[in-house]
Amino acid sequence: MVKRPLALAVALLAGCGTPFGIYHEVRPGQTLYRIARTYGVDPAKLQRLNRIQDPTRIRPGDMIFVPGADRTREVPTMPTGGKRTATTTRSTQPPPKGSSGARERVEIASRPKATSTPKSTWSGGDAPKLIWPVPKGEVSSGFGQRDGAPHDGVDIRAPEGSPVLAAADGRVIYSGDGLKGYGNLIIVRHQGSWATVYAHNKENLVNKGDFVVQGQKIATVGQTGRASGPHLHFEVRFGKAPKNPLQYLAQRSTSSGS
């Protein structure tokens, strides 16, 4: 069981030096320059914000944080010389300044799935669609009041060492054991002001600053911190406000207990 101090921590971590924006997944043939021009962002700023040392070495599947954007856009691609992996469509974005004015073709490539679970669709401030962080776990304690105190998430019981998956794409803004009671804790920042929280882990497998994709294994179930047995304490937050995770996950029955 964990209590309110996390609310302030999430709000501070999520807001510290990280402006509003979205994550753009790099597709084959896209360059940092083209991504920046499509979103109207200075390429140097995009490179600096994402801590990219060599902008020519970004790869398909990389996640680029784009400040100020509220939705993903189709970015024109350069010919890759490889086999196309998906249908080619025409860009709806205006050509970069100085171009001939002809619309360029864009290749929409499918990202390899980390698991067989459905992909998340975060979009600006829209409510998130999440996958279960412990797919075969059992909800042992729900959201709301518990023993006269707020319970800002759900507890998902599972055998110790079970995989903990990222519920959606995002950036790790905290990975450590410095918040009393939570044990090994991970906080992932998503688009807009959304964040997900994973507590009591046996082992954290990602570090602060890492990009994670939905379904990626980021930790293992444990009982570190104040825990009454192996389980994942999972929270969904918008800013510092806790949200009931069950409203964003596939329906499951809950049982009493901890």
C-alpha atoms as a PDB file:
ATOM      1  CA  MET A   1       0.000   0.000   0.000  1.00  0.00           C
ATOM      2  CA  VAL A   2       1.333   3.439  -0.891  1.00  0.00           C
ATOM      3  CA  LYS A   3       0.030   6.914  -0.201  1.00  0.00           C
ATOM      4  CA  ARG A   4      -0.051  10.516  -1.416  1.00  0.00           C
ATOM      5  CA  PRO A   5       3.590  11.701  -1.498  1.00  0.00           C
ATOM      6  CA  LEU A   6       3.921  10.225  -4.993  1.00  0.00           C
ATOM      7  CA  ALA A   7       1.454  12.792  -6.365  1.00  0.00           C
ATOM      8  CA  LEU A   8       3.870  15.663  -5.889  1.00  0.00           C
ATOM      9  CA  ALA A   9       6.800  13.586  -7.101  1.00  0.00           C
ATOM     10  CA  VAL A  10       4.996  12.697 -10.337  1.00  0.00           C
ATOM     11  CA  ALA A  11       3.963  16.296 -10.915  1.00  0.00           C
ATOM     12  CA  LEU A  12       7.466  17.621 -10.332  1.00  0.00           C
ATOM     13  CA  LEU A  13       9.189  14.939 -12.368  1.00  0.00           C
ATOM     14  CA  ALA A  14       6.720  15.128 -15.239  1.00  0.00           C
ATOM     15  CA  GLY A  15       6.989  18.888 -15.420  1.00  0.00           C
ATOM     16  CA  CYS A  16      10.683  19.348 -14.776  1.00  0.00           C
ATOM     17  CA  GLY A  17      12.301  20.558 -17.989  1.00  0.00           C
ATOM     18  CA  THR A  18       9.878  18.610 -20.180  1.00  0.00           C
ATOM     19  CA  PRO A  19       7.540  20.808 -22.262  1.00  0.00           C
ATOM     20  CA  PHE A  20       4.176  19.730 -23.606  1.00  0.00           C
ATOM     21  CA  GLY A  21       4.469  17.686 -26.785  1.00  0.00           C
ATOM     22  CA  ILE A  22       4.234  14.268 -28.385  1.00  0.00           C
ATOM     23  CA  TYR A  23       6.568  11.414 -29.303  1.00  0.00           C
ATOM     24  CA  HIS A  24       7.165  10.802 -33.014  1.00  0.00           C
ATOM     25  CA  GLU A  25       8.305   7.327 -34.038  1.00  0.00           C
ATOM     26  CA  VAL A  26      10.960   7.473 -36.743  1.00  0.00           C
ATOM     27  CA  ARG A  27       9.966   5.627 -39.933  1.00  0.00           C
ATOM     28  CA  PRO A  28      12.292   4.297 -42.652  1.00  0.00           C
ATOM     29  CA  GLY A  29      13.628   7.150 -44.763  1.00  0.00           C
ATOM     30  CA  GLN A  30      12.822   9.919 -42.282  1.00  0.00           C
ATOM     31  CA  THR A  31      15.507  12.328 -41.096  1.00  0.00           C
ATOM     32  CA  LEU A  32      15.680  14.564 -38.056  1.00  0.00           C
ATOM     33  CA  TYR A  33      15.639  17.593 -40.358  1.00  0.00           C
ATOM     34  CA  ARG A  34      12.452  16.455 -42.120  1.00  0.00           C
ATOM     35  CA  ILE A  35      10.793  15.661 -38.800  1.00  0.00           C
ATOM     36  CA  ALA A  36      11.699  19.094 -37.464  1.00  0.00           C
ATOM     37  CA  ARG A  37      10.452  20.911 -40.588  1.00  0.00           C
ATOM     38  CA  THR A  38       7.180  18.979 -40.619  1.00  0.00           C
ATOM     39  CA  TYR A  39       6.407  19.972 -37.034  1.00  0.00           C
ATOM     40  CA  GLY A  40       7.773  23.507 -37.386  1.00  0.00           C
ATOM     41  CA  VAL A  41      10.533  22.992 -34.812  1.00  0.00           C
ATOM     42  CA  ASP A  42      14.135  24.169 -35.076  1.00  0.00           C
ATOM     43  CA  PRO A  43      16.244  21.085 -35.944  1.00  0.00           C
ATOM     44  CA  ALA A  44      18.989  22.101 -33.501  1.00  0.00           C
ATOM     45  CA  LYS A  45      16.440  22.375 -30.687  1.00  0.00           C
ATOM     46  CA  LEU A  46      15.009  18.960 -31.531  1.00  0.00           C
ATOM     47  CA  GLN A  47      18.498  17.469 -31.535  1.00  0.00           C
ATOM     48  CA  ARG A  48      19.388  19.097 -28.212  1.00  0.00           C
ATOM     49  CA  LEU A  49      16.120  18.201 -26.462  1.00  0.00           C
ATOM     50  CA  ASN A  50      16.445  14.543 -27.457  1.00  0.00           C
ATOM     51  CA  ARG A  51      20.160  14.441 -26.625  1.00  0.00           C
ATOM     52  CA  ILE A  52      21.064  13.249 -30.130  1.00  0.00           C
ATOM     53  CA  GLN A  53      24.801  13.502 -30.767  1.00  0.00           C
ATOM     54  CA  ASP A  54      24.708  12.696 -34.490  1.00  0.00           C
ATOM     55  CA  PRO A  55      21.421  13.591 -36.240  1.00  0.00           C
ATOM     56  CA  THR A  56      22.356  11.434 -39.244  1.00  0.00           C
ATOM     57  CA  ARG A  57      22.281   8.288 -37.127  1.00  0.00           C
ATOM     58  CA  ILE A  58      18.644   8.186 -36.006  1.00  0.00           C
ATOM     59  CA  ARG A  59      17.039   4.862 -36.863  1.00  0.00           C
ATOM     60  CA  PRO A  60      13.551   3.544 -37.608  1.00  0.00           C
ATOM     61  CA  GLY A  61      11.786   2.877 -34.331  1.00  0.00           C
ATOM     62  CA  ASP A  62      13.557   5.670 -32.428  1.00  0.00           C
ATOM     63  CA  MET A  63      11.187   7.893 -30.447  1.00  0.00           C
ATOM     64  CA  ILE A  64      11.712  11.635 -30.943  1.00  0.00           C
ATOM     65  CA  PHE A  65      10.077  14.036 -28.482  1.00  0.00           C
ATOM     66  CA  VAL A  66       8.564  16.987 -30.381  1.00  0.00           C
ATOM     67  CA  PRO A  67       7.819  19.957 -28.103  1.00  0.00           C
ATOM     68  CA  GLY A  68       4.609  21.868 -28.645  1.00  0.00           C
ATOM     69  CA  ALA A  69       3.006  19.297 -30.960  1.00  0.00           C
ATOM     70  CA  ASP A  70      -0.458  17.991 -30.113  1.00  0.00           C
ATOM     71  CA  ARG A  71      -0.696  15.173 -32.653  1.00  0.00           C
ATOM     72  CA  THR A  72       1.550  13.028 -34.817  1.00  0.00           C
ATOM     73  CA  ARG A  73       2.061  14.075 -38.432  1.00  0.00           C
ATOM     74  CA  GLU A  74       3.110  12.301 -41.605  1.00  0.00           C
ATOM     75  CA  VAL A  75       6.736  13.134 -42.331  1.00  0.00           C
ATOM     76  CA  PRO A  76       8.082  12.949 -45.909  1.00  0.00           C
ATOM     77  CA  THR A  77      10.632  10.194 -46.415  1.00  0.00           C
ATOM     78  CA  MET A  78      13.718   9.756 -48.549  1.00  0.00           C
ATOM     79  CA  PRO A  79      14.061   6.616 -50.701  1.00  0.00           C
ATOM     80  CA  THR A  80      15.644   3.865 -48.620  1.00  0.00           C
ATOM     81  CA  GLY A  81      16.393   1.389 -51.419  1.00  0.00           C
ATOM     82  CA  GLY A  82      14.851  -1.372 -49.347  1.00  0.00           C
ATOM     83  CA  LYS A  83      11.637  -3.283 -49.680  1.00  0.00           C
ATOM     84  CA  ARG A  84       8.545  -1.327 -48.742  1.00  0.00           C
ATOM     85  CA  THR A  85       6.831  -2.611 -45.636  1.00  0.00           C
ATOM     86  CA  ALA A  86       3.461  -0.912 -45.982  1.00  0.00           C
ATOM     87  CA  THR A  87       1.185   1.049 -48.282  1.00  0.00           C
ATOM     88  CA  THR A  88       2.496   4.339 -49.611  1.00  0.00           C
ATOM     89  CA  THR A  89       0.252   7.386 -49.213  1.00  0.00           C
ATOM     90  CA  ARG A  90       0.522  11.060 -50.040  1.00  0.00           C
ATOM     91  CA  SER A  91       1.506  13.540 -47.356  1.00  0.00           C
ATOM     92  CA  THR A  92      -1.110  16.014 -46.187  1.00  0.00           C
ATOM     93  CA  GLN A  93       1.610  18.420 -45.002  1.00  0.00           C
ATOM     94  CA  PRO A  94       2.839  21.368 -47.106  1.00  0.00           C
ATOM     95  CA  PRO A  95       6.282  20.907 -48.677  1.00  0.00           C
ATOM     96  CA  PRO A  96       9.283  22.461 -46.910  1.00  0.00           C
ATOM     97  CA  LYS A  97      10.076  26.057 -47.841  1.00  0.00           C
ATOM     98  CA  GLY A  98      12.209  26.225 -50.949  1.00  0.00           C
ATOM     99  CA  SER A  99      10.967  22.954 -52.423  1.00  0.00           C
ATOM    100  CA  SER A 100       9.360  22.623 -55.840  1.00  0.00           C
ATOM    101  CA  GLY A 101       5.900  22.521 -54.316  1.00  0.00           C
ATOM    102  CA  ALA A 102       5.222  18.937 -55.346  1.00  0.00           C
ATOM    103  CA  ARG A 103       3.805  16.744 -52.636  1.00  0.00           C
ATOM    104  CA  GLU A 104       6.204  14.046 -51.534  1.00  0.00           C
ATOM    105  CA  ARG A 105       5.283  10.447 -50.920  1.00  0.00           C
ATOM    106  CA  VAL A 106       5.446   8.977 -47.447  1.00  0.00           C
ATOM    107  CA  GLU A 107       5.927   5.410 -46.419  1.00  0.00           C
ATOM    108  CA  ILE A 108       3.920   4.302 -43.402  1.00  0.00           C
ATOM    109  CA  ALA A 109       5.839   1.433 -41.841  1.00  0.00           C
ATOM    110  CA  SER A 110       4.596  -0.954 -39.197  1.00  0.00           C
ATOM    111  CA  ARG A 111       6.585  -1.142 -35.976  1.00  0.00           C
ATOM    112  CA  PRO A 112       7.438  -4.656 -34.801  1.00  0.00           C
ATOM    113  CA  LYS A 113       5.162  -5.451 -31.884  1.00  0.00           C
ATOM    114  CA  ALA A 114       6.791  -6.092 -28.525  1.00  0.00           C
ATOM    115  CA  THR A 115       3.917  -8.420 -27.583  1.00  0.00           C
ATOM    116  CA  SER A 116       0.685  -9.651 -29.108  1.00  0.00           C
ATOM    117  CA  THR A 117      -1.249  -7.029 -27.150  1.00  0.00           C
ATOM    118  CA  PRO A 118      -2.829  -4.064 -28.974  1.00  0.00           C
ATOM    119  CA  LYS A 119      -0.880  -0.874 -29.559  1.00  0.00           C
ATOM    120  CA  SER A 120      -1.545   2.224 -27.476  1.00  0.00           C
ATOM    121  CA  THR A 121      -3.056   5.328 -29.068  1.00  0.00           C
ATOM    122  CA  TRP A 122      -1.953   8.322 -27.022  1.00  0.00           C
ATOM    123  CA  SER A 123      -2.934  11.567 -28.727  1.00  0.00           C
ATOM    124  CA  GLY A 124      -2.308  14.907 -27.079  1.00  0.00           C
ATOM    125  CA  GLY A 125      -4.550  15.245 -24.021  1.00  0.00           C
ATOM    126  CA  ASP A 126      -6.863  12.380 -24.992  1.00  0.00           C
ATOM    127  CA  ALA A 127      -7.481   9.632 -22.460  1.00  0.00           C
ATOM    128  CA  PRO A 128      -4.938   6.842 -22.878  1.00  0.00           C
ATOM    129  CA  LYS A 129      -5.615   3.293 -23.991  1.00  0.00           C
ATOM    130  CA  LEU A 130      -3.353   1.034 -21.993  1.00  0.00           C
ATOM    131  CA  ILE A 131      -2.378  -2.592 -21.986  1.00  0.00           C
ATOM    132  CA  TRP A 132      -2.201  -4.472 -18.695  1.00  0.00           C
ATOM    133  CA  PRO A 133       1.267  -4.089 -17.174  1.00  0.00           C
ATOM    134  CA  VAL A 134       1.003  -7.602 -15.719  1.00  0.00           C
ATOM    135  CA  PRO A 135      -1.154  -9.446 -18.284  1.00  0.00           C
ATOM    136  CA  LYS A 136      -1.872 -12.521 -16.147  1.00  0.00           C
ATOM    137  CA  GLY A 137      -2.016 -10.760 -12.792  1.00  0.00           C
ATOM    138  CA  GLU A 138      -5.055 -10.503 -10.530  1.00  0.00           C
ATOM    139  CA  VAL A 139      -6.332  -7.181  -9.204  1.00  0.00           C
ATOM    140  CA  SER A 140      -6.149  -7.596  -5.439  1.00  0.00           C
ATOM    141  CA  SER A 141      -6.922  -4.022  -4.405  1.00  0.00           C
ATOM    142  CA  GLY A 142      -8.808  -1.396  -6.357  1.00  0.00           C
ATOM    143  CA  PHE A 143      -8.694   2.370  -6.750  1.00  0.00           C
ATOM    144  CA  GLY A 144     -10.184   4.663  -4.107  1.00  0.00           C
ATOM    145  CA  GLN A 145     -10.400   4.523  -0.334  1.00  0.00           C
ATOM    146  CA  ARG A 146      -8.729   1.678   1.509  1.00  0.00           C
ATOM    147  CA  ASP A 147      -8.571   1.406   5.284  1.00  0.00           C
ATOM    148  CA  GLY A 148      -9.647   5.034   5.522  1.00  0.00           C
ATOM    149  CA  ALA A 149      -6.851   6.320   3.293  1.00  0.00           C
ATOM    150  CA  PRO A 150      -6.654   7.100  -0.442  1.00  0.00           C
ATOM    151  CA  HIS A 151      -5.390   4.304  -2.661  1.00  0.00           C
ATOM    152  CA  ASP A 152      -4.345   6.089  -5.842  1.00  0.00           C
ATOM    153  CA  GLY A 153      -3.879   3.038  -8.039  1.00  0.00           C
ATOM    154  CA  VAL A 154      -4.579  -0.666  -8.274  1.00  0.00           C
ATOM    155  CA  ASP A 155      -2.558  -3.551  -6.902  1.00  0.00           C
ATOM    156  CA  ILE A 156      -2.008  -6.408  -9.341  1.00  0.00           C
ATOM    157  CA  ARG A 157      -0.959  -9.648  -7.678  1.00  0.00           C
ATOM    158  CA  ALA A 158       1.382 -11.995  -9.558  1.00  0.00           C
ATOM    159  CA  PRO A 159       4.243 -14.386  -8.779  1.00  0.00           C
ATOM    160  CA  GLU A 160       7.495 -12.670  -7.878  1.00  0.00           C
ATOM    161  CA  GLY A 161       9.661 -12.190 -10.944  1.00  0.00           C
ATOM    162  CA  SER A 162       6.717 -11.952 -13.376  1.00  0.00           C
ATOM    163  CA  PRO A 163       7.309  -9.464 -16.223  1.00  0.00           C
ATOM    164  CA  VAL A 164       6.087  -5.891 -15.787  1.00  0.00           C
ATOM    165  CA  LEU A 165       5.299  -4.288 -19.164  1.00  0.00           C
ATOM    166  CA  ALA A 166       5.123  -0.651 -20.198  1.00  0.00           C
ATOM    167  CA  ALA A 167       1.425   0.172 -20.475  1.00  0.00           C
ATOM    168  CA  ALA A 168       2.079   2.671 -23.290  1.00  0.00           C
ATOM    169  CA  ASP A 169       4.896   4.374 -25.178  1.00  0.00           C
ATOM    170  CA  GLY A 170       6.797   7.053 -23.290  1.00  0.00           C
ATOM    171  CA  ARG A 171       9.950   8.234 -21.589  1.00  0.00           C
ATOM    172  CA  VAL A 172      11.180   7.023 -18.203  1.00  0.00           C
ATOM    173  CA  ILE A 173      11.364  10.060 -15.914  1.00  0.00           C
ATOM    174  CA  TYR A 174      12.185   8.119 -12.736  1.00  0.00           C
ATOM    175  CA  SER A 175      13.747   4.750 -12.002  1.00  0.00           C
ATOM    176  CA  GLY A 176      14.986   4.115  -8.487  1.00  0.00           C
ATOM    177  CA  ASP A 177      14.112   3.446  -4.865  1.00  0.00           C
ATOM    178  CA  GLY A 178      14.302   6.951  -3.417  1.00  0.00           C
ATOM    179  CA  LEU A 179      10.592   7.448  -2.626  1.00  0.00           C
ATOM    180  CA  LYS A 180       9.824   5.935   0.762  1.00  0.00           C
ATOM    181  CA  GLY A 181       7.393   3.033   0.738  1.00  0.00           C
ATOM    182  CA  TYR A 182       7.370   2.418  -3.001  1.00  0.00           C
ATOM    183  CA  GLY A 183      10.438   0.216  -3.194  1.00  0.00           C
ATOM    184  CA  ASN A 184      11.860  -0.035  -6.690  1.00  0.00           C
ATOM    185  CA  LEU A 185       9.760   2.452  -8.639  1.00  0.00           C
ATOM    186  CA  ILE A 186       9.415   3.457 -12.294  1.00  0.00           C
ATOM    187  CA  ILE A 187       7.501   6.478 -13.596  1.00  0.00           C
ATOM    188  CA  VAL A 188       6.879   6.784 -17.342  1.00  0.00           C
ATOM    189  CA  ARG A 189       5.842  10.102 -18.878  1.00  0.00           C
ATOM    190  CA  HIS A 190       3.536   9.881 -21.899  1.00  0.00           C
ATOM    191  CA  GLN A 191       2.091  12.451 -24.281  1.00  0.00           C
ATOM    192  CA  GLY A 192       0.595  15.553 -22.742  1.00  0.00           C
ATOM    193  CA  SER A 193       0.612  15.379 -18.952  1.00  0.00           C
ATOM    194  CA  TRP A 194      -0.139  11.661 -18.587  1.00  0.00           C
ATOM    195  CA  ALA A 195       2.089   9.332 -16.587  1.00  0.00           C
ATOM    196  CA  THR A 196       2.018   5.722 -15.401  1.00  0.00           C
ATOM    197  CA  VAL A 197       3.589   4.474 -12.177  1.00  0.00           C
ATOM    198  CA  TYR A 198       4.997   1.014 -11.397  1.00  0.00           C
ATOM    199  CA  ALA A 199       5.934   0.309  -7.756  1.00  0.00           C
ATOM    200  CA  HIS A 200       7.320  -2.481  -5.522  1.00  0.00           C
ATOM    201  CA  ASN A 201       9.343  -3.963  -8.398  1.00  0.00           C
ATOM    202  CA  LYS A 202      11.837  -6.693  -7.687  1.00  0.00           C
ATOM    203  CA  GLU A 203      14.124  -5.240 -10.343  1.00  0.00           C
ATOM    204  CA  ASN A 204      13.952  -2.173 -12.574  1.00  0.00           C
ATOM    205  CA  LEU A 205      15.156  -2.920 -16.103  1.00  0.00           C
ATOM    206  CA  VAL A 206      15.116   0.622 -17.536  1.00  0.00           C
ATOM    207  CA  ASN A 207      16.831   3.857 -16.594  1.00  0.00           C
ATOM    208  CA  LYS A 208      15.784   7.483 -16.401  1.00  0.00           C
ATOM    209  CA  GLY A 209      15.756   9.000 -19.884  1.00  0.00           C
ATOM    210  CA  ASP A 210      15.057   5.727 -21.699  1.00  0.00           C
ATOM    211  CA  PHE A 211      12.275   5.588 -24.279  1.00  0.00           C
ATOM    212  CA  VAL A 212      10.005   2.587 -23.842  1.00  0.00           C
ATOM    213  CA  VAL A 213       7.391   1.152 -26.168  1.00  0.00           C
ATOM    214  CA  GLN A 214       4.079  -0.370 -25.216  1.00  0.00           C
ATOM    215  CA  GLY A 215       4.537  -3.992 -24.189  1.00  0.00           C
ATOM    216  CA  GLN A 216       8.261  -3.652 -23.452  1.00  0.00           C
ATOM    217  CA  LYS A 217       9.452  -5.447 -20.306  1.00  0.00           C
ATOM    218  CA  ILE A 218      10.571  -2.708 -17.923  1.00  0.00           C
ATOM    219  CA  ALA A 219      10.669  -4.486 -14.543  1.00  0.00           C
ATOM    220  CA  THR A 220       9.778  -7.644 -12.644  1.00  0.00           C
ATOM    221  CA  VAL A 221       7.102  -8.064  -9.994  1.00  0.00           C
ATOM    222  CA  GLY A 222       8.409  -7.879  -6.446  1.00  0.00           C
ATOM    223  CA  GLN A 223       7.580  -6.818  -2.905  1.00  0.00           C
ATOM    224  CA  THR A 224      10.105  -4.064  -2.225  1.00  0.00           C
ATOM    225  CA  GLY A 225       9.082  -1.129  -0.043  1.00  0.00           C
ATOM    226  CA  ARG A 226       5.852  -1.354   1.973  1.00  0.00           C
ATOM    227  CA  ALA A 227       4.279  -4.395   0.353  1.00  0.00           C
ATOM    228  CA  SER A 228       2.280  -7.283   1.802  1.00  0.00           C
ATOM    229  CA  GLY A 229       3.372  -9.782  -0.822  1.00  0.00           C
ATOM    230  CA  PRO A 230       4.522  -9.798  -4.441  1.00  0.00           C
ATOM    231  CA  HIS A 231       2.416  -7.440  -6.527  1.00  0.00           C
ATOM    232  CA  LEU A 232       2.614  -4.403  -8.788  1.00  0.00           C
ATOM    233  CA  HIS A 233       1.167  -1.136  -7.529  1.00  0.00           C
ATOM    234  CA  PHE A 234       0.071   0.584 -10.753  1.00  0.00           C
ATOM    235  CA  GLU A 235      -1.113   4.167 -11.114  1.00  0.00           C
ATOM    236  CA  VAL A 236      -2.339   6.374 -13.953  1.00  0.00           C
ATOM    237  CA  ARG A 237      -1.990  10.126 -13.467  1.00  0.00           C
ATOM    238  CA  PHE A 238      -2.905  13.250 -15.389  1.00  0.00           C
ATOM    239  CA  GLY A 239      -0.576  15.878 -13.975  1.00  0.00           C
ATOM    240  CA  LYS A 240      -0.647  15.137 -10.265  1.00  0.00           C
ATOM    241  CA  ALA A 241      -4.270  13.914 -10.299  1.00  0.00           C
ATOM    242  CA  PRO A 242      -4.701  10.138  -9.896  1.00  0.00           C
ATOM    243  CA  LYS A 243      -7.060   8.402 -12.316  1.00  0.00           C
ATOM    244  CA  ASN A 244      -8.690   5.004 -11.918  1.00  0.00           C
ATOM    245  CA  PRO A 245      -6.539   2.684 -14.063  1.00  0.00           C
ATOM    246  CA  LEU A 246      -9.496   0.371 -14.655  1.00  0.00           C
ATOM    247  CA  GLN A 247     -11.106   3.103 -16.770  1.00  0.00           C
ATOM    248  CA  TYR A 248      -8.194   2.858 -19.207  1.00  0.00           C
ATOM    249  CA  LEU A 249      -7.624  -0.902 -19.185  1.00  0.00           C
ATOM    250  CA  ALA A 250      -9.700  -3.787 -20.504  1.00  0.00           C
ATOM    251  CA  GLN A 251     -12.411  -4.740 -18.030  1.00  0.00           C
ATOM    252  CA  ARG A 252     -11.443  -7.138 -15.286  1.00  0.00           C
ATOM    253  CA  SER A 253     -13.095  -8.184 -12.070  1.00  0.00           C
ATOM    254  CA  THR A 254     -11.514  -7.069  -8.793  1.00  0.00           C
ATOM    255  CA  SER A 255     -11.319  -8.860  -5.491  1.00  0.00           C
ATOM    256  CA  SER A 256     -10.864  -7.557  -1.999  1.00  0.00           C
ATOM    257  CA  GLY A 257      -7.624  -7.832  -0.108  1.00  0.00           C
ATOM    258  CA  SER A 258      -4.103  -6.500  -0.568  1.00  0.00           C
END
